[in-house]
PDB file of all heavy atoms in Angstrom:
ATOM      1  N   SER A   1       0.816  -3.230   6.489  1.00  0.00           N
ATOM      2  CA  SER A   1       0.676  -3.069   7.931  1.00  0.00           C
ATOM      3  C   SER A   1      -0.543  -2.193   8.201  1.00  0.00           C
ATOM      4  O   SER A   1      -1.111  -1.613   7.277  1.00  0.00           O
ATOM      5  CB  SER A   1       1.930  -2.445   8.538  1.00  0.00           C
ATOM      6  OG  SER A   1       2.172  -1.160   7.990  1.00  0.00           O
ATOM      7  N   ARG A   2      -0.925  -2.143   9.470  1.00  0.00           N
ATOM      8  CA  ARG A   2      -2.060  -1.312   9.833  1.00  0.00           C
ATOM      9  C   ARG A   2      -1.821  -0.676  11.183  1.00  0.00           C
ATOM     10  O   ARG A   2      -1.161  -1.262  12.056  1.00  0.00           O
ATOM     11  CB  ARG A   2      -3.359  -2.124   9.848  1.00  0.00           C
ATOM     12  CG  ARG A   2      -3.424  -3.241  10.862  1.00  0.00           C
ATOM     13  CD  ARG A   2      -4.680  -4.112  10.649  1.00  0.00           C
ATOM     14  NE  ARG A   2      -5.906  -3.320  10.774  1.00  0.00           N
ATOM     15  CZ  ARG A   2      -7.072  -3.683  10.237  1.00  0.00           C
ATOM     16  NH1 ARG A   2      -7.180  -4.785   9.526  1.00  0.00           N
ATOM     17  NH2 ARG A   2      -8.141  -2.924  10.417  1.00  0.00           N
ATOM     18  N   ASP A   3      -2.380   0.523  11.355  1.00  0.00           N
ATOM     19  CA  ASP A   3      -2.327   1.244  12.618  1.00  0.00           C
ATOM     20  C   ASP A   3      -3.773   1.549  12.984  1.00  0.00           C
ATOM     21  O   ASP A   3      -4.371   2.501  12.456  1.00  0.00           O
ATOM     22  CB  ASP A   3      -1.496   2.508  12.475  1.00  0.00           C
ATOM     23  CG  ASP A   3      -1.322   3.240  13.793  1.00  0.00           C
ATOM     24  OD1 ASP A   3      -2.147   3.064  14.706  1.00  0.00           O
ATOM     25  OD2 ASP A   3      -0.354   4.015  13.909  1.00  0.00           O
ATOM     26  N   ASN A   4      -4.338   0.741  13.867  1.00  0.00           N
ATOM     27  CA  ASN A   4      -5.755   0.907  14.200  1.00  0.00           C
ATOM     28  C   ASN A   4      -6.029   2.218  14.943  1.00  0.00           C
ATOM     29  O   ASN A   4      -7.125   2.770  14.844  1.00  0.00           O
ATOM     30  CB  ASN A   4      -6.232  -0.272  15.032  1.00  0.00           C
ATOM     31  CG  ASN A   4      -6.257  -1.564  14.233  1.00  0.00           C
ATOM     32  OD1 ASN A   4      -6.419  -1.561  13.012  1.00  0.00           O
ATOM     33  ND2 ASN A   4      -6.071  -2.692  14.922  1.00  0.00           N
ATOM     34  N   ALA A   5      -5.047   2.710  15.657  1.00  0.00           N
ATOM     35  CA  ALA A   5      -5.232   3.978  16.359  1.00  0.00           C
ATOM     36  C   ALA A   5      -5.399   5.134  15.373  1.00  0.00           C
ATOM     37  O   ALA A   5      -6.041   6.141  15.692  1.00  0.00           O
ATOM     38  CB  ALA A   5      -4.055   4.246  17.286  1.00  0.00           C
ATOM     39  N   LYS A   6      -4.824   4.975  14.188  1.00  0.00           N
ATOM     40  CA  LYS A   6      -4.911   6.020  13.162  1.00  0.00           C
ATOM     41  C   LYS A   6      -5.894   5.654  12.046  1.00  0.00           C
ATOM     42  O   LYS A   6      -6.018   6.387  11.071  1.00  0.00           O
ATOM     43  CB  LYS A   6      -3.531   6.276  12.555  1.00  0.00           C
ATOM     44  CG  LYS A   6      -2.521   6.830  13.549  1.00  0.00           C
ATOM     45  CD  LYS A   6      -1.188   7.105  12.866  1.00  0.00           C
ATOM     46  CE  LYS A   6      -0.200   7.711  13.853  1.00  0.00           C
ATOM     47  NZ  LYS A   6       1.126   7.979  13.216  1.00  0.00           N
ATOM     48  N   ASN A   7      -6.558   4.506  12.189  1.00  0.00           N
ATOM     49  CA  ASN A   7      -7.497   4.052  11.156  1.00  0.00           C
ATOM     50  C   ASN A   7      -6.852   4.040   9.778  1.00  0.00           C
ATOM     51  O   ASN A   7      -7.465   4.460   8.784  1.00  0.00           O
ATOM     52  CB  ASN A   7      -8.749   4.934  11.133  1.00  0.00           C
ATOM     53  CG  ASN A   7      -9.601   4.784  12.377  1.00  0.00           C
ATOM     54  OD1 ASN A   7      -9.488   3.802  13.106  1.00  0.00           O
ATOM     55  ND2 ASN A   7     -10.435   5.767  12.638  1.00  0.00           N
ATOM     56  N   THR A   8      -5.639   3.559   9.724  1.00  0.00           N
ATOM     57  CA  THR A   8      -4.870   3.638   8.487  1.00  0.00           C
ATOM     58  C   THR A   8      -4.159   2.320   8.200  1.00  0.00           C
ATOM     59  O   THR A   8      -3.621   1.675   9.103  1.00  0.00           O
ATOM     60  CB  THR A   8      -3.845   4.778   8.559  1.00  0.00           C
ATOM     61  OG1 THR A   8      -4.530   6.013   8.785  1.00  0.00           O
ATOM     62  CG2 THR A   8      -3.061   4.897   7.260  1.00  0.00           C
ATOM     63  N   MET A   9      -4.162   1.967   6.932  1.00  0.00           N
ATOM     64  CA  MET A   9      -3.405   0.811   6.441  1.00  0.00           C
ATOM     65  C   MET A   9      -2.289   1.332   5.547  1.00  0.00           C
ATOM     66  O   MET A   9      -2.446   2.371   4.887  1.00  0.00           O
ATOM     67  CB  MET A   9      -4.325  -0.119   5.638  1.00  0.00           C
ATOM     68  CG  MET A   9      -3.607  -1.267   4.949  1.00  0.00           C
ATOM     69  SD  MET A   9      -4.699  -2.337   3.992  1.00  0.00           S
ATOM     70  CE  MET A   9      -5.291  -1.238   2.726  1.00  0.00           C
ATOM     71  N   TYR A  10      -1.193   0.587   5.516  1.00  0.00           N
ATOM     72  CA  TYR A  10      -0.042   1.008   4.717  1.00  0.00           C
ATOM     73  C   TYR A  10       0.394  -0.107   3.778  1.00  0.00           C
ATOM     74  O   TYR A  10       0.185  -1.288   4.044  1.00  0.00           O
ATOM     75  CB  TYR A  10       1.137   1.367   5.629  1.00  0.00           C
ATOM     76  CG  TYR A  10       0.820   2.440   6.641  1.00  0.00           C
ATOM     77  CD1 TYR A  10       0.466   2.099   7.945  1.00  0.00           C
ATOM     78  CD2 TYR A  10       0.864   3.783   6.298  1.00  0.00           C
ATOM     79  CE1 TYR A  10       0.165   3.069   8.881  1.00  0.00           C
ATOM     80  CE2 TYR A  10       0.564   4.766   7.233  1.00  0.00           C
ATOM     81  CZ  TYR A  10       0.209   4.409   8.517  1.00  0.00           C
ATOM     82  OH  TYR A  10      -0.092   5.381   9.445  1.00  0.00           O
ATOM     83  N   LEU A  11       1.023   0.310   2.693  1.00  0.00           N
ATOM     84  CA  LEU A  11       1.663  -0.624   1.784  1.00  0.00           C
ATOM     85  C   LEU A  11       3.069  -0.106   1.521  1.00  0.00           C
ATOM     86  O   LEU A  11       3.248   0.875   0.804  1.00  0.00           O
ATOM     87  CB  LEU A  11       0.898  -0.757   0.469  1.00  0.00           C
ATOM     88  CG  LEU A  11       1.524  -1.721  -0.556  1.00  0.00           C
ATOM     89  CD1 LEU A  11       1.487  -3.155  -0.031  1.00  0.00           C
ATOM     90  CD2 LEU A  11       0.784  -1.634  -1.896  1.00  0.00           C
ATOM     91  N   GLN A  12       4.045  -0.734   2.156  1.00  0.00           N
ATOM     92  CA  GLN A  12       5.440  -0.379   1.932  1.00  0.00           C
ATOM     93  C   GLN A  12       5.946  -1.174   0.744  1.00  0.00           C
ATOM     94  O   GLN A  12       5.921  -2.411   0.765  1.00  0.00           O
ATOM     95  CB  GLN A  12       6.276  -0.688   3.173  1.00  0.00           C
ATOM     96  CG  GLN A  12       7.757  -0.394   3.001  1.00  0.00           C
ATOM     97  CD  GLN A  12       8.042   1.088   2.828  1.00  0.00           C
ATOM     98  OE1 GLN A  12       7.517   1.921   3.557  1.00  0.00           O
ATOM     99  NE2 GLN A  12       8.889   1.424   1.845  1.00  0.00           N
ATOM    100  N   MET A  13       6.373  -0.457  -0.274  1.00  0.00           N
ATOM    101  CA  MET A  13       6.832  -1.096  -1.502  1.00  0.00           C
ATOM    102  C   MET A  13       8.323  -0.825  -1.675  1.00  0.00           C
ATOM    103  O   MET A  13       8.734   0.335  -1.751  1.00  0.00           O
ATOM    104  CB  MET A  13       6.047  -0.553  -2.703  1.00  0.00           C
ATOM    105  CG  MET A  13       4.543  -0.728  -2.568  1.00  0.00           C
ATOM    106  SD  MET A  13       3.618  -0.194  -4.018  1.00  0.00           S
ATOM    107  CE  MET A  13       3.893   1.575  -3.930  1.00  0.00           C
ATOM    108  N   ASN A  14       9.102  -1.867  -1.705  1.00  0.00           N
ATOM    109  CA  ASN A  14      10.541  -1.767  -1.919  1.00  0.00           C
ATOM    110  C   ASN A  14      10.935  -2.490  -3.197  1.00  0.00           C
ATOM    111  O   ASN A  14      10.186  -3.339  -3.684  1.00  0.00           O
ATOM    112  CB  ASN A  14      11.288  -2.375  -0.728  1.00  0.00           C
ATOM    113  CG  ASN A  14      11.041  -1.620   0.558  1.00  0.00           C
ATOM    114  OD1 ASN A  14      10.867  -0.392   0.574  1.00  0.00           O
ATOM    115  ND2 ASN A  14      11.003  -2.348   1.668  1.00  0.00           N
ATOM    116  N   GLY A  15      12.077  -2.145  -3.728  1.00  0.00           N
ATOM    117  CA  GLY A  15      12.538  -2.818  -4.940  1.00  0.00           C
ATOM    118  C   GLY A  15      11.556  -2.719  -6.074  1.00  0.00           C
ATOM    119  O   GLY A  15      11.312  -3.698  -6.794  1.00  0.00           O
ATOM    120  N   LEU A  16      11.005  -1.534  -6.276  1.00  0.00           N
ATOM    121  CA  LEU A  16       9.970  -1.380  -7.290  1.00  0.00           C
ATOM    122  C   LEU A  16      10.490  -1.650  -8.692  1.00  0.00           C
ATOM    123  O   LEU A  16      11.651  -1.347  -9.013  1.00  0.00           O
ATOM    124  CB  LEU A  16       9.364   0.022  -7.211  1.00  0.00           C
ATOM    125  CG  LEU A  16       8.348   0.189  -6.065  1.00  0.00           C
ATOM    126  CD1 LEU A  16       8.124   1.656  -5.751  1.00  0.00           C
ATOM    127  CD2 LEU A  16       7.035  -0.487  -6.425  1.00  0.00           C
ATOM    128  N   LYS A  17       9.615  -2.220  -9.489  1.00  0.00           N
ATOM    129  CA  LYS A  17       9.932  -2.585 -10.866  1.00  0.00           C
ATOM    130  C   LYS A  17       8.978  -1.849 -11.802  1.00  0.00           C
ATOM    131  O   LYS A  17       7.858  -1.513 -11.397  1.00  0.00           O
ATOM    132  CB  LYS A  17       9.774  -4.087 -11.057  1.00  0.00           C
ATOM    133  CG  LYS A  17      10.605  -4.942 -10.111  1.00  0.00           C
ATOM    134  CD  LYS A  17      10.301  -6.413 -10.293  1.00  0.00           C
ATOM    135  CE  LYS A  17      11.108  -7.281  -9.332  1.00  0.00           C
ATOM    136  NZ  LYS A  17      10.802  -8.724  -9.514  1.00  0.00           N
ATOM    137  N   PRO A  18       9.355  -1.639 -13.049  1.00  0.00           N
ATOM    138  CA  PRO A  18       8.443  -0.991 -14.002  1.00  0.00           C
ATOM    139  C   PRO A  18       7.100  -1.712 -14.104  1.00  0.00           C
ATOM    140  O   PRO A  18       6.068  -1.060 -14.301  1.00  0.00           O
ATOM    141  CB  PRO A  18       9.221  -1.053 -15.319  1.00  0.00           C
ATOM    142  CG  PRO A  18      10.654  -1.016 -14.905  1.00  0.00           C
ATOM    143  CD  PRO A  18      10.701  -1.825 -13.633  1.00  0.00           C
ATOM    144  N   GLU A  19       7.099  -3.019 -13.942  1.00  0.00           N
ATOM    145  CA  GLU A  19       5.844  -3.772 -14.013  1.00  0.00           C
ATOM    146  C   GLU A  19       4.932  -3.556 -12.811  1.00  0.00           C
ATOM    147  O   GLU A  19       3.791  -4.028 -12.798  1.00  0.00           O
ATOM    148  CB  GLU A  19       6.104  -5.271 -14.202  1.00  0.00           C
ATOM    149  CG  GLU A  19       7.077  -5.865 -13.214  1.00  0.00           C
ATOM    150  CD  GLU A  19       8.490  -5.959 -13.769  1.00  0.00           C
ATOM    151  OE1 GLU A  19       8.951  -4.981 -14.402  1.00  0.00           O
ATOM    152  OE2 GLU A  19       9.134  -7.002 -13.549  1.00  0.00           O
ATOM    153  N   ASP A  20       5.412  -2.840 -11.806  1.00  0.00           N
ATOM    154  CA  ASP A  20       4.564  -2.465 -10.679  1.00  0.00           C
ATOM    155  C   ASP A  20       3.744  -1.204 -10.977  1.00  0.00           C
ATOM    156  O   ASP A  20       2.894  -0.816 -10.169  1.00  0.00           O
ATOM    157  CB  ASP A  20       5.407  -2.215  -9.424  1.00  0.00           C
ATOM    158  CG  ASP A  20       6.091  -3.471  -8.919  1.00  0.00           C
ATOM    159  OD1 ASP A  20       5.450  -4.537  -8.910  1.00  0.00           O
ATOM    160  OD2 ASP A  20       7.277  -3.366  -8.511  1.00  0.00           O
ATOM    161  N   THR A  21       3.997  -0.587 -12.108  1.00  0.00           N
ATOM    162  CA  THR A  21       3.253   0.608 -12.493  1.00  0.00           C
ATOM    163  C   THR A  21       1.766   0.283 -12.633  1.00  0.00           C
ATOM    164  O   THR A  21       1.383  -0.623 -13.366  1.00  0.00           O
ATOM    165  CB  THR A  21       3.779   1.167 -13.825  1.00  0.00           C
ATOM    166  OG1 THR A  21       5.127   1.624 -13.633  1.00  0.00           O
ATOM    167  CG2 THR A  21       2.923   2.320 -14.314  1.00  0.00           C
ATOM    168  N   ALA A  22       0.956   1.014 -11.875  1.00  0.00           N
ATOM    169  CA  ALA A  22      -0.485   0.757 -11.853  1.00  0.00           C
ATOM    170  C   ALA A  22      -1.163   1.766 -10.949  1.00  0.00           C
ATOM    171  O   ALA A  22      -0.501   2.482 -10.192  1.00  0.00           O
ATOM    172  CB  ALA A  22      -0.769  -0.655 -11.351  1.00  0.00           C
ATOM    173  N   ALA A  23      -2.474   1.782 -11.035  1.00  0.00           N
ATOM    174  CA  ALA A  23      -3.268   2.482 -10.034  1.00  0.00           C
ATOM    175  C   ALA A  23      -3.509   1.504  -8.897  1.00  0.00           C
ATOM    176  O   ALA A  23      -3.932   0.374  -9.141  1.00  0.00           O
ATOM    177  CB  ALA A  23      -4.586   2.947 -10.629  1.00  0.00           C
ATOM    178  N   TYR A  24      -3.226   1.936  -7.681  1.00  0.00           N
ATOM    179  CA  TYR A  24      -3.355   1.075  -6.511  1.00  0.00           C
ATOM    180  C   TYR A  24      -4.602   1.462  -5.722  1.00  0.00           C
ATOM    181  O   TYR A  24      -4.810   2.647  -5.418  1.00  0.00           O
ATOM    182  CB  TYR A  24      -2.107   1.195  -5.633  1.00  0.00           C
ATOM    183  CG  TYR A  24      -0.943   0.416  -6.189  1.00  0.00           C
ATOM    184  CD1 TYR A  24      -0.274   0.853  -7.327  1.00  0.00           C
ATOM    185  CD2 TYR A  24      -0.506  -0.768  -5.593  1.00  0.00           C
ATOM    186  CE1 TYR A  24       0.789   0.135  -7.855  1.00  0.00           C
ATOM    187  CE2 TYR A  24       0.551  -1.496  -6.107  1.00  0.00           C
ATOM    188  CZ  TYR A  24       1.197  -1.036  -7.250  1.00  0.00           C
ATOM    189  OH  TYR A  24       2.253  -1.754  -7.775  1.00  0.00           O
ATOM    190  N   TYR A  25      -5.378   0.448  -5.385  1.00  0.00           N
ATOM    191  CA  TYR A  25      -6.633   0.644  -4.672  1.00  0.00           C
ATOM    192  C   TYR A  25      -6.610  -0.071  -3.338  1.00  0.00           C
ATOM    193  O   TYR A  25      -6.186  -1.228  -3.261  1.00  0.00           O
ATOM    194  CB  TYR A  25      -7.793   0.098  -5.487  1.00  0.00           C
ATOM    195  CG  TYR A  25      -7.992   0.769  -6.823  1.00  0.00           C
ATOM    196  CD1 TYR A  25      -7.314   0.325  -7.955  1.00  0.00           C
ATOM    197  CD2 TYR A  25      -8.863   1.851  -6.963  1.00  0.00           C
ATOM    198  CE1 TYR A  25      -7.482   0.944  -9.184  1.00  0.00           C
ATOM    199  CE2 TYR A  25      -9.038   2.475  -8.180  1.00  0.00           C
ATOM    200  CZ  TYR A  25      -8.342   2.014  -9.283  1.00  0.00           C
ATOM    201  OH  TYR A  25      -8.514   2.633 -10.504  1.00  0.00           O
ATOM    202  N   CYS A  26      -7.087   0.613  -2.311  1.00  0.00           N
ATOM    203  CA  CYS A  26      -7.295  -0.067  -1.045  1.00  0.00           C
ATOM    204  C   CYS A  26      -8.778  -0.422  -0.917  1.00  0.00           C
ATOM    205  O   CYS A  26      -9.637   0.217  -1.532  1.00  0.00           O
ATOM    206  CB  CYS A  26      -6.829   0.777   0.132  1.00  0.00           C
ATOM    207  SG  CYS A  26      -7.665   2.365   0.353  1.00  0.00           S
ATOM    208  N   ALA A  27      -9.022  -1.441  -0.133  1.00  0.00           N
ATOM    209  CA  ALA A  27     -10.390  -1.911   0.022  1.00  0.00           C
ATOM    210  C   ALA A  27     -10.581  -2.502   1.406  1.00  0.00           C
ATOM    211  O   ALA A  27      -9.624  -2.991   2.029  1.00  0.00           O
ATOM    212  CB  ALA A  27     -10.716  -2.949  -1.052  1.00  0.00           C
ATOM    213  N   SER A  28     -11.808  -2.472   1.860  1.00  0.00           N
ATOM    214  CA  SER A  28     -12.170  -2.988   3.177  1.00  0.00           C
ATOM    215  C   SER A  28     -13.048  -4.231   3.008  1.00  0.00           C
ATOM    216  O   SER A  28     -13.981  -4.235   2.204  1.00  0.00           O
ATOM    217  CB  SER A  28     -12.934  -1.916   3.956  1.00  0.00           C
ATOM    218  OG  SER A  28     -13.264  -2.365   5.244  1.00  0.00           O
TER     219      SER A  28
END
């Protein structure tokens, strides 16, 4: 999701699994 008023993007992660382990990068 994104909130343009706050200039911020979000990534809500549910049901996390061990295979989700990583460095997460945002990009424009």
